[in-house]
């Protein structure tokens, strides 16, 4: 299924193939534990390294949920994977596009 990898080290956002096996997430985002950040619109989630704040090598990015000033932006660290989710909580293809996500990302830590 189609997922989107956000790589702040390379400053790259690209489509990747995700087979639905949670173990592949470890490889895609280079981690040993992960968590999911819920996206307030649609059914996507952002898988992130749960121990990213403890890593010596870090790369930050800001994810804007939308342009409205009342919506909070989130600061995320290291690689992340955008995957869809169905009504049963199972992974599905993301409904987002690379270009849409590129428009929401600012590289680096934004104060």
Protein backbone atom coordinates (compact mmCIF):
# COMPACT_ATOMS: atom_id res chain seq x y z
CA UNK A 1 0.00 0.00 0.00
CA UNK A 2 1.07 3.57 -0.57
CA UNK A 3 2.57 5.40 2.42
CA UNK A 4 4.61 8.60 2.61
CA UNK A 5 8.03 8.78 4.23
CA UNK A 6 9.20 12.09 5.70
CA UNK A 7 13.00 12.17 6.03
CA UNK A 8 14.21 15.37 7.69
CA UNK A 9 17.86 14.25 7.46
CA UNK A 10 17.68 14.24 3.65
CA UNK A 11 14.89 16.87 3.62
CA UNK A 12 12.93 14.53 1.41
CA UNK A 13 9.30 13.45 1.25
CA UNK A 14 8.51 10.46 -0.93
CA UNK A 15 6.05 7.66 -1.51
CA UNK A 16 7.06 4.24 -0.26
CA UNK A 17 5.47 0.83 -0.39
CA UNK A 18 4.26 -0.37 3.00
CA UNK A 19 3.01 -3.94 3.23
CA UNK A 20 1.03 -3.49 6.45
CA UNK A 21 3.51 -5.39 8.64
CA UNK A 22 4.31 -3.21 11.64
CA UNK A 23 7.88 -4.56 11.68
CA UNK A 24 8.59 -2.75 8.42
CA UNK A 25 7.92 0.58 10.16
CA UNK A 26 11.05 0.02 12.27
CA UNK A 27 13.14 -0.19 9.10
CA UNK A 28 11.43 2.67 7.27
CA UNK A 29 11.86 5.19 10.08
CA UNK A 30 15.06 3.73 11.60
CA UNK A 31 13.77 3.07 15.10
CA UNK A 32 13.24 0.36 17.72
CA UNK A 33 9.97 1.71 19.14
CA UNK A 34 7.34 3.91 17.52
CA UNK A 35 4.20 5.85 18.32
CA UNK A 36 1.45 7.30 16.14
CA UNK A 37 0.45 10.95 15.93
CA UNK A 38 -3.18 11.37 14.93
CA UNK A 39 -3.93 13.76 12.08
CA UNK A 40 -7.05 15.84 12.87
CA UNK A 41 -8.50 15.54 9.38
CA UNK A 42 -8.86 12.41 7.30
CA UNK A 43 -7.84 8.98 8.49
CA UNK A 44 -4.07 9.23 8.36
CA UNK A 45 -1.61 8.79 11.19
CA UNK A 46 2.06 9.73 11.40
CA UNK A 47 4.33 6.99 12.77
CA UNK A 48 7.31 8.50 14.62
CA UNK A 49 10.34 7.24 16.53
CA UNK A 50 9.18 7.02 20.14
CA UNK A 51 12.76 7.52 21.34
CA UNK A 52 13.70 10.23 18.84
CA UNK A 53 14.22 12.82 21.57
CA UNK A 54 16.91 10.61 23.13
CA UNK A 55 18.93 10.11 19.97
CA UNK A 56 22.25 11.89 19.57
CA UNK A 57 21.61 12.58 15.91
CA UNK A 58 18.34 14.47 15.44
CA UNK A 59 16.61 16.19 12.56
CA UNK A 60 13.47 18.21 13.29
CA UNK A 61 10.52 19.27 11.20
CA UNK A 62 7.24 21.07 11.81
CA UNK A 63 4.01 19.57 10.50
CA UNK A 64 1.19 22.09 9.98
CA UNK A 65 -2.23 20.50 10.15
CA UNK A 66 -3.67 23.32 8.06
CA UNK A 67 -3.15 27.00 7.40
CA UNK A 68 -5.73 28.17 9.95
CA UNK A 69 -3.99 29.93 12.89
CA UNK A 70 -6.20 28.17 15.47
CA UNK A 71 -4.81 24.76 14.54
CA UNK A 72 -1.62 23.79 16.31
CA UNK A 73 1.49 22.75 14.50
CA UNK A 74 3.54 19.90 15.85
CA UNK A 75 7.30 19.59 16.08
CA UNK A 76 8.51 16.11 15.17
CA UNK A 77 11.98 14.64 15.25
CA UNK A 78 13.65 12.19 12.87
CA UNK A 79 11.97 10.13 10.17
CA UNK A 80 8.20 9.68 10.06
CA UNK A 81 5.75 7.57 8.04
CA UNK A 82 2.26 8.68 7.02
CA UNK A 83 -0.16 5.74 6.76
CA UNK A 84 -3.95 5.58 6.48
CA UNK A 85 -6.23 3.84 8.95
CA UNK A 86 -9.67 2.28 8.47
CA UNK A 87 -12.64 2.21 10.87
CA UNK A 88 -11.29 -0.99 12.49
CA UNK A 89 -7.88 0.54 13.19
CA UNK A 90 -6.12 -1.41 10.44
CA UNK A 91 -3.51 0.24 8.22
CA UNK A 92 -4.63 1.38 4.79
CA UNK A 93 -3.16 3.40 1.98
CA UNK A 94 -2.74 7.05 2.85
CA UNK A 95 -5.28 9.43 1.34
CA UNK A 96 -2.70 12.22 1.31
CA UNK A 97 -0.26 13.10 -1.45
CA UNK A 98 3.45 13.90 -1.38
CA UNK A 99 2.76 17.43 -2.65
CA UNK A 100 0.12 18.07 0.02
CA UNK A 101 2.49 16.95 2.76
CA UNK A 102 5.34 19.00 1.29
CA UNK A 103 3.10 22.04 1.69
CA UNK A 104 2.69 21.31 5.42
CA UNK A 105 6.34 20.71 6.30
CA UNK A 106 8.90 23.22 7.51
CA UNK A 107 12.37 21.75 8.03
CA UNK A 108 14.10 22.37 11.34
CA UNK A 109 12.83 23.28 14.78
CA UNK A 110 10.49 26.27 14.61
CA UNK A 111 10.14 28.30 17.80
